[in-house]
Amino acid sequence: MCWDLPSPFVIELLVESSAIDHFGHANNAQYLRWIEQVSWAHSAVLGLDLARYRELDRAMVVHRHELDYLAPALEGDRLQLATWIVACDGRLTLNRRFQLLRPADGRTLLRARTRFACIAISSGRARRLPAEFRQCYGRVLVSE
């Protein structure tokens, strides 16, 4: 595959009928669900699943999404969605990039980026990234 950045974390997706909107392609909201899915899968592989977030009383929550829809995903399409950690300030924020490809024709359907902020789950207030977050996310940091 022709990924935008090296060493992606990738999940496989199948566009199901429930993702299709009135225009016959995957609804815009579905792309956000896929972005959330790959983000959680990547975090879990790094050792930061929901249970660990709760133990640390910390979470990375979305501050900003930017999505560029480049081509439609259609029912039955098999897709690959990649993510990378491209920035981590070591204090409060973390940025991910995403690229959605359709291997059948090599076409990139979506490019996106998300900025996350660290909060305490118990209060919902912004809190410093725990050392474990800095270590786990920092070790897979990719330069853009």
N, C-alpha and C. Protein backbone atom coordinates (compact mmCIF):
# COMPACT_ATOMS: atom_id res chain seq x y z
N MET A 1 0.84 -1.17 0.00
CA MET A 1 0.00 0.00 0.00
C MET A 1 0.89 1.24 0.00
N CYS A 2 0.33 2.30 -0.50
CA CYS A 2 1.07 3.56 -0.60
C CYS A 2 0.62 4.48 0.54
N TRP A 3 1.27 4.31 1.68
CA TRP A 3 0.92 5.10 2.86
C TRP A 3 1.65 6.44 2.84
N ASP A 4 1.02 7.44 3.40
CA ASP A 4 1.58 8.79 3.45
C ASP A 4 2.80 8.88 4.35
N LEU A 5 2.83 8.08 5.41
CA LEU A 5 3.91 8.10 6.39
C LEU A 5 4.38 6.68 6.65
N PRO A 6 5.59 6.51 7.18
CA PRO A 6 6.10 5.16 7.45
C PRO A 6 5.47 4.54 8.71
N SER A 7 5.54 3.23 8.77
CA SER A 7 5.16 2.45 9.96
C SER A 7 3.75 2.72 10.46
N PRO A 8 2.74 2.58 9.60
CA PRO A 8 1.37 2.82 10.06
C PRO A 8 0.86 1.69 10.94
N PHE A 9 -0.09 2.02 11.81
CA PHE A 9 -0.90 1.00 12.47
C PHE A 9 -2.15 0.90 11.61
N VAL A 10 -2.51 -0.31 11.17
CA VAL A 10 -3.57 -0.49 10.17
C VAL A 10 -4.62 -1.48 10.66
N ILE A 11 -5.89 -1.13 10.41
CA ILE A 11 -6.98 -2.08 10.61
C ILE A 11 -7.70 -2.28 9.28
N GLU A 12 -8.32 -3.44 9.16
CA GLU A 12 -9.12 -3.78 7.98
C GLU A 12 -10.58 -3.44 8.27
N LEU A 13 -11.27 -2.91 7.28
CA LEU A 13 -12.69 -2.57 7.42
C LEU A 13 -13.48 -3.12 6.24
N LEU A 14 -14.72 -3.43 6.49
CA LEU A 14 -15.66 -3.81 5.45
C LEU A 14 -16.82 -2.84 5.53
N VAL A 15 -17.16 -2.19 4.43
CA VAL A 15 -18.26 -1.25 4.42
C VAL A 15 -19.57 -2.04 4.37
N GLU A 16 -20.28 -1.99 5.48
CA GLU A 16 -21.53 -2.73 5.60
C GLU A 16 -22.71 -1.86 5.19
N SER A 17 -23.85 -2.48 4.93
CA SER A 17 -25.03 -1.74 4.49
C SER A 17 -25.47 -0.69 5.50
N SER A 18 -25.24 -0.93 6.78
CA SER A 18 -25.63 0.03 7.82
C SER A 18 -24.84 1.33 7.74
N ALA A 19 -23.71 1.33 7.04
CA ALA A 19 -22.88 2.54 6.89
C ALA A 19 -23.32 3.40 5.72
N ILE A 20 -24.19 2.88 4.87
CA ILE A 20 -24.56 3.57 3.63
C ILE A 20 -25.68 4.57 3.85
N ASP A 21 -25.52 5.76 3.27
CA ASP A 21 -26.54 6.81 3.41
C ASP A 21 -27.46 6.86 2.20
N HIS A 22 -28.28 7.88 2.12
CA HIS A 22 -29.27 8.02 1.04
C HIS A 22 -28.63 8.28 -0.32
N PHE A 23 -27.35 8.60 -0.35
CA PHE A 23 -26.66 8.85 -1.61
C PHE A 23 -25.91 7.63 -2.11
N GLY A 24 -26.02 6.50 -1.37
CA GLY A 24 -25.43 5.25 -1.83
C GLY A 24 -23.96 5.07 -1.48
N HIS A 25 -23.43 5.88 -0.59
CA HIS A 25 -22.04 5.70 -0.15
C HIS A 25 -21.97 5.82 1.37
N ALA A 26 -20.81 5.51 1.93
CA ALA A 26 -20.66 5.56 3.38
C ALA A 26 -20.94 6.98 3.88
N ASN A 27 -21.76 7.07 4.90
CA ASN A 27 -22.12 8.35 5.50
C ASN A 27 -20.90 8.98 6.16
N ASN A 28 -20.84 10.31 6.13
CA ASN A 28 -19.71 11.03 6.72
C ASN A 28 -19.48 10.64 8.17
N ALA A 29 -20.54 10.42 8.92
CA ALA A 29 -20.41 10.05 10.33
C ALA A 29 -19.71 8.70 10.50
N GLN A 30 -19.83 7.84 9.52
CA GLN A 30 -19.19 6.52 9.60
C GLN A 30 -17.66 6.66 9.61
N TYR A 31 -17.15 7.61 8.87
CA TYR A 31 -15.71 7.82 8.86
C TYR A 31 -15.20 8.18 10.26
N LEU A 32 -15.97 8.98 10.99
CA LEU A 32 -15.59 9.31 12.37
C LEU A 32 -15.61 8.07 13.26
N ARG A 33 -16.60 7.20 13.06
CA ARG A 33 -16.64 5.96 13.84
C ARG A 33 -15.41 5.10 13.53
N TRP A 34 -15.01 5.04 12.27
CA TRP A 34 -13.82 4.27 11.90
C TRP A 34 -12.57 4.88 12.51
N ILE A 35 -12.48 6.21 12.51
CA ILE A 35 -11.33 6.89 13.12
C ILE A 35 -11.26 6.57 14.61
N GLU A 36 -12.39 6.58 15.28
CA GLU A 36 -12.42 6.22 16.69
C GLU A 36 -11.98 4.76 16.88
N GLN A 37 -12.47 3.88 16.01
CA GLN A 37 -12.14 2.46 16.09
C GLN A 37 -10.63 2.21 15.95
N VAL A 38 -10.01 2.82 14.96
CA VAL A 38 -8.57 2.60 14.77
C VAL A 38 -7.77 3.26 15.89
N SER A 39 -8.23 4.39 16.39
CA SER A 39 -7.53 5.05 17.49
C SER A 39 -7.52 4.17 18.73
N TRP A 40 -8.67 3.61 19.09
CA TRP A 40 -8.74 2.72 20.25
C TRP A 40 -7.92 1.46 20.03
N ALA A 41 -7.99 0.89 18.84
CA ALA A 41 -7.23 -0.34 18.56
C ALA A 41 -5.73 -0.08 18.70
N HIS A 42 -5.27 1.04 18.18
CA HIS A 42 -3.86 1.38 18.27
C HIS A 42 -3.45 1.60 19.73
N SER A 43 -4.25 2.36 20.47
CA SER A 43 -3.95 2.60 21.88
C SER A 43 -3.88 1.29 22.66
N ALA A 44 -4.82 0.38 22.38
CA ALA A 44 -4.85 -0.90 23.09
C ALA A 44 -3.58 -1.70 22.82
N VAL A 45 -3.12 -1.72 21.57
CA VAL A 45 -1.89 -2.43 21.22
C VAL A 45 -0.69 -1.83 21.97
N LEU A 46 -0.75 -0.54 22.21
CA LEU A 46 0.33 0.13 22.94
C LEU A 46 0.23 -0.07 24.46
N GLY A 47 -0.85 -0.73 24.91
CA GLY A 47 -1.03 -0.99 26.33
C GLY A 47 -1.92 0.00 27.04
N LEU A 48 -2.57 0.87 26.27
CA LEU A 48 -3.44 1.89 26.85
C LEU A 48 -4.88 1.69 26.41
N ASP A 49 -5.48 0.62 26.93
CA ASP A 49 -6.90 0.37 26.63
C ASP A 49 -7.78 1.13 27.61
N LEU A 50 -9.08 1.00 27.47
CA LEU A 50 -10.01 1.73 28.33
C LEU A 50 -9.81 1.40 29.80
N ALA A 51 -9.54 0.14 30.11
CA ALA A 51 -9.32 -0.24 31.51
C ALA A 51 -8.10 0.50 32.08
N ARG A 52 -7.04 0.60 31.30
CA ARG A 52 -5.84 1.29 31.78
C ARG A 52 -6.10 2.79 31.93
N TYR A 53 -6.84 3.37 30.98
CA TYR A 53 -7.23 4.78 31.10
C TYR A 53 -7.94 5.00 32.44
N ARG A 54 -8.88 4.12 32.76
CA ARG A 54 -9.64 4.26 34.01
C ARG A 54 -8.75 4.12 35.23
N GLU A 55 -7.82 3.17 35.19
CA GLU A 55 -6.89 2.98 36.31
C GLU A 55 -6.05 4.24 36.54
N LEU A 56 -5.67 4.91 35.48
CA LEU A 56 -4.86 6.12 35.57
C LEU A 56 -5.69 7.39 35.76
N ASP A 57 -7.03 7.24 35.68
CA ASP A 57 -7.95 8.38 35.74
C ASP A 57 -7.58 9.44 34.70
N ARG A 58 -7.24 8.98 33.52
CA ARG A 58 -6.90 9.88 32.42
C ARG A 58 -7.51 9.36 31.13
N ALA A 59 -7.78 10.28 30.22
CA ALA A 59 -8.29 9.92 28.91
C ALA A 59 -7.84 10.97 27.90
N MET A 60 -7.72 10.54 26.67
CA MET A 60 -7.45 11.45 25.57
C MET A 60 -8.78 11.68 24.87
N VAL A 61 -9.25 12.92 24.89
CA VAL A 61 -10.53 13.25 24.28
C VAL A 61 -10.32 14.15 23.07
N VAL A 62 -11.22 14.06 22.13
CA VAL A 62 -11.09 14.83 20.89
C VAL A 62 -11.27 16.31 21.18
N HIS A 63 -10.32 17.07 20.70
CA HIS A 63 -10.40 18.53 20.74
C HIS A 63 -10.78 19.06 19.37
N ARG A 64 -10.25 18.43 18.32
CA ARG A 64 -10.51 18.89 16.95
C ARG A 64 -10.31 17.75 15.96
N HIS A 65 -11.26 17.61 15.03
CA HIS A 65 -11.14 16.70 13.89
C HIS A 65 -11.02 17.53 12.62
N GLU A 66 -10.18 17.09 11.71
CA GLU A 66 -10.13 17.64 10.34
C GLU A 66 -10.20 16.45 9.41
N LEU A 67 -11.22 16.40 8.56
CA LEU A 67 -11.39 15.29 7.64
C LEU A 67 -11.49 15.80 6.21
N ASP A 68 -10.69 15.23 5.34
CA ASP A 68 -10.76 15.52 3.91
C ASP A 68 -11.29 14.28 3.22
N TYR A 69 -12.54 14.38 2.74
CA TYR A 69 -13.17 13.27 2.03
C TYR A 69 -12.75 13.35 0.57
N LEU A 70 -12.05 12.34 0.09
CA LEU A 70 -11.47 12.39 -1.25
C LEU A 70 -12.21 11.55 -2.27
N ALA A 71 -12.85 10.48 -1.83
CA ALA A 71 -13.61 9.60 -2.72
C ALA A 71 -14.56 8.78 -1.85
N PRO A 72 -15.69 8.34 -2.43
CA PRO A 72 -16.67 7.62 -1.62
C PRO A 72 -16.28 6.16 -1.35
N ALA A 73 -16.68 5.68 -0.19
CA ALA A 73 -16.60 4.25 0.13
C ALA A 73 -17.99 3.68 -0.15
N LEU A 74 -18.03 2.53 -0.80
CA LEU A 74 -19.29 1.93 -1.21
C LEU A 74 -19.53 0.62 -0.47
N GLU A 75 -20.79 0.23 -0.40
CA GLU A 75 -21.13 -1.02 0.28
C GLU A 75 -20.32 -2.17 -0.31
N GLY A 76 -19.76 -2.97 0.57
CA GLY A 76 -18.96 -4.12 0.17
C GLY A 76 -17.49 -3.83 -0.01
N ASP A 77 -17.11 -2.56 -0.03
CA ASP A 77 -15.69 -2.22 -0.16
C ASP A 77 -14.91 -2.77 1.03
N ARG A 78 -13.75 -3.30 0.74
CA ARG A 78 -12.80 -3.69 1.79
C ARG A 78 -11.76 -2.58 1.84
N LEU A 79 -11.57 -2.05 3.04
CA LEU A 79 -10.72 -0.88 3.21
C LEU A 79 -9.64 -1.15 4.24
N GLN A 80 -8.62 -0.31 4.21
CA GLN A 80 -7.59 -0.31 5.23
C GLN A 80 -7.47 1.11 5.76
N LEU A 81 -7.51 1.21 7.09
CA LEU A 81 -7.40 2.51 7.73
C LEU A 81 -6.14 2.53 8.59
N ALA A 82 -5.27 3.50 8.30
CA ALA A 82 -4.00 3.63 9.01
C ALA A 82 -4.04 4.85 9.93
N THR A 83 -3.28 4.76 11.01
CA THR A 83 -3.11 5.90 11.90
C THR A 83 -1.66 6.00 12.35
N TRP A 84 -1.28 7.21 12.67
CA TRP A 84 0.05 7.52 13.18
C TRP A 84 -0.09 8.56 14.28
N ILE A 85 0.76 8.49 15.30
CA ILE A 85 0.92 9.58 16.26
C ILE A 85 1.96 10.51 15.63
N VAL A 86 1.57 11.75 15.37
CA VAL A 86 2.49 12.68 14.69
C VAL A 86 2.95 13.83 15.58
N ALA A 87 2.34 13.97 16.74
CA ALA A 87 2.78 15.00 17.68
C ALA A 87 2.30 14.64 19.07
N CYS A 88 3.16 14.91 20.03
CA CYS A 88 2.81 14.75 21.44
C CYS A 88 3.63 15.78 22.21
N ASP A 89 2.96 16.76 22.78
CA ASP A 89 3.70 17.84 23.42
C ASP A 89 4.25 17.45 24.80
N GLY A 90 3.89 16.24 25.27
CA GLY A 90 4.39 15.78 26.55
C GLY A 90 3.69 16.41 27.74
N ARG A 91 2.76 17.31 27.48
CA ARG A 91 2.04 17.99 28.56
C ARG A 91 0.55 17.69 28.52
N LEU A 92 -0.09 18.05 27.40
CA LEU A 92 -1.55 17.99 27.35
C LEU A 92 -2.11 17.40 26.07
N THR A 93 -1.42 17.56 24.95
CA THR A 93 -2.03 17.19 23.67
C THR A 93 -1.25 16.14 22.90
N LEU A 94 -1.99 15.53 22.00
CA LEU A 94 -1.49 14.46 21.14
C LEU A 94 -2.22 14.59 19.82
N ASN A 95 -1.50 14.45 18.70
CA ASN A 95 -2.11 14.52 17.37
C ASN A 95 -1.93 13.20 16.63
N ARG A 96 -3.00 12.77 15.98
CA ARG A 96 -2.97 11.60 15.11
C ARG A 96 -3.28 12.03 13.68
N ARG A 97 -2.70 11.29 12.75
CA ARG A 97 -3.11 11.39 11.34
C ARG A 97 -3.72 10.06 10.94
N PHE A 98 -4.55 10.13 9.90
CA PHE A 98 -5.26 8.95 9.40
C PHE A 98 -5.25 8.97 7.88
N GLN A 99 -5.24 7.77 7.31
CA GLN A 99 -5.38 7.62 5.86
C GLN A 99 -6.21 6.38 5.61
N LEU A 100 -7.28 6.53 4.82
CA LEU A 100 -8.17 5.41 4.48
C LEU A 100 -7.95 5.05 3.03
N LEU A 101 -7.57 3.79 2.79
CA LEU A 101 -7.29 3.30 1.43
C LEU A 101 -8.24 2.18 1.05
N ARG A 102 -8.54 2.12 -0.25
CA ARG A 102 -9.26 0.98 -0.83
C ARG A 102 -8.23 0.18 -1.62
N PRO A 103 -7.76 -0.96 -1.08
CA PRO A 103 -6.71 -1.73 -1.75
C PRO A 103 -7.07 -2.18 -3.17
N ALA A 104 -8.35 -2.39 -3.46
CA ALA A 104 -8.74 -2.89 -4.78
C ALA A 104 -8.26 -1.98 -5.90
N ASP A 105 -8.25 -0.66 -5.66
CA ASP A 105 -7.77 0.26 -6.70
C ASP A 105 -6.65 1.18 -6.19
N GLY A 106 -6.23 0.99 -4.93
CA GLY A 106 -5.14 1.79 -4.37
C GLY A 106 -5.51 3.23 -4.08
N ARG A 107 -6.78 3.53 -4.11
CA ARG A 107 -7.22 4.91 -3.95
C ARG A 107 -7.32 5.31 -2.48
N THR A 108 -6.84 6.50 -2.18
CA THR A 108 -7.03 7.07 -0.84
C THR A 108 -8.40 7.74 -0.82
N LEU A 109 -9.23 7.31 0.13
CA LEU A 109 -10.59 7.83 0.24
C LEU A 109 -10.70 8.98 1.24
N LEU A 110 -9.79 9.00 2.20
CA LEU A 110 -9.86 9.98 3.27
C LEU A 110 -8.48 10.24 3.82
N ARG A 111 -8.23 11.49 4.14
CA ARG A 111 -7.09 11.87 4.97
C ARG A 111 -7.67 12.69 6.10
N ALA A 112 -7.18 12.46 7.32
CA ALA A 112 -7.73 13.17 8.46
C ALA A 112 -6.66 13.36 9.51
N ARG A 113 -6.95 14.27 10.42
CA ARG A 113 -6.10 14.45 11.60
C ARG A 113 -7.02 14.80 12.76
N THR A 114 -6.58 14.38 13.93
CA THR A 114 -7.32 14.65 15.15
C THR A 114 -6.36 15.14 16.21
N ARG A 115 -6.77 16.16 16.92
CA ARG A 115 -6.01 16.67 18.07
C ARG A 115 -6.76 16.24 19.31
N PHE A 116 -6.05 15.57 20.20
CA PHE A 116 -6.62 15.09 21.45
C PHE A 116 -6.05 15.90 22.61
N ALA A 117 -6.84 16.04 23.66
CA ALA A 117 -6.39 16.66 24.90
C ALA A 117 -6.57 15.66 26.03
N CYS A 118 -5.68 15.71 26.99
CA CYS A 118 -5.73 14.80 28.13
C CYS A 118 -6.62 15.40 29.23
N ILE A 119 -7.51 14.56 29.76
CA ILE A 119 -8.37 14.98 30.87
C ILE A 119 -8.32 13.94 31.98
N ALA A 120 -8.73 14.37 33.17
CA ALA A 120 -9.00 13.43 34.25
C ALA A 120 -10.41 12.91 34.03
N ILE A 121 -10.57 11.60 33.98
CA ILE A 121 -11.90 11.01 33.76
C ILE A 121 -12.84 11.43 34.89
N SER A 122 -12.34 11.45 36.11
CA SER A 122 -13.18 11.74 37.28
C SER A 122 -13.78 13.15 37.28
N SER A 123 -13.09 14.10 36.69
CA SER A 123 -13.57 15.49 36.74
C SER A 123 -13.89 16.07 35.36
N GLY A 124 -13.33 15.48 34.32
CA GLY A 124 -13.50 16.04 32.98
C GLY A 124 -12.60 17.24 32.71
N ARG A 125 -11.74 17.56 33.65
CA ARG A 125 -10.85 18.72 33.51
C ARG A 125 -9.54 18.33 32.85
N ALA A 126 -8.97 19.28 32.15
CA ALA A 126 -7.67 19.07 31.51
C ALA A 126 -6.63 18.71 32.57
N ARG A 127 -5.82 17.70 32.26
CA ARG A 127 -4.76 17.26 33.17
C ARG A 127 -3.55 16.87 32.35
N ARG A 128 -2.41 16.95 32.99
CA ARG A 128 -1.14 16.60 32.37
C ARG A 128 -1.15 15.12 31.93
N LEU A 129 -0.49 14.86 30.80
CA LEU A 129 -0.33 13.48 30.33
C LEU A 129 0.45 12.67 31.37
N PRO A 130 -0.04 11.51 31.77
CA PRO A 130 0.74 10.67 32.67
C PRO A 130 2.02 10.19 31.97
N ALA A 131 3.02 9.86 32.75
CA ALA A 131 4.29 9.37 32.19
C ALA A 131 4.05 8.18 31.28
N GLU A 132 3.13 7.31 31.64
CA GLU A 132 2.84 6.13 30.82
C GLU A 132 2.31 6.52 29.44
N PHE A 133 1.48 7.54 29.37
CA PHE A 133 0.98 8.03 28.08
C PHE A 133 2.15 8.57 27.26
N ARG A 134 2.98 9.40 27.91
CA ARG A 134 4.12 9.98 27.19
C ARG A 134 5.03 8.89 26.65
N GLN A 135 5.26 7.85 27.44
CA GLN A 135 6.14 6.77 27.02
C GLN A 135 5.52 5.94 25.90
N CYS A 136 4.29 5.47 26.10
CA CYS A 136 3.64 4.60 25.11
C CYS A 136 3.39 5.31 23.78
N TYR A 137 2.84 6.50 23.84
CA TYR A 137 2.56 7.23 22.61
C TYR A 137 3.83 7.80 22.01
N GLY A 138 4.75 8.21 22.85
CA GLY A 138 6.00 8.79 22.37
C GLY A 138 6.87 7.81 21.61
N ARG A 139 6.83 6.54 21.97
CA ARG A 139 7.70 5.56 21.30
C ARG A 139 7.26 5.25 19.87
N VAL A 140 6.05 5.63 19.49
CA VAL A 140 5.59 5.40 18.11
C VAL A 140 5.41 6.70 17.34
N LEU A 141 5.93 7.78 17.87
CA LEU A 141 5.83 9.08 17.24
C LEU A 141 6.50 9.06 15.88
N VAL A 142 5.82 9.55 14.86
CA VAL A 142 6.33 9.59 13.49
C VAL A 142 6.39 11.05 13.05
N SER A 143 7.50 11.42 12.43
CA SER A 143 7.62 12.79 11.90
C SER A 143 6.85 12.91 10.61
N GLU A 144 6.21 14.07 10.46
CA GLU A 144 5.45 14.32 9.21
C GLU A 144 6.35 14.81 8.11
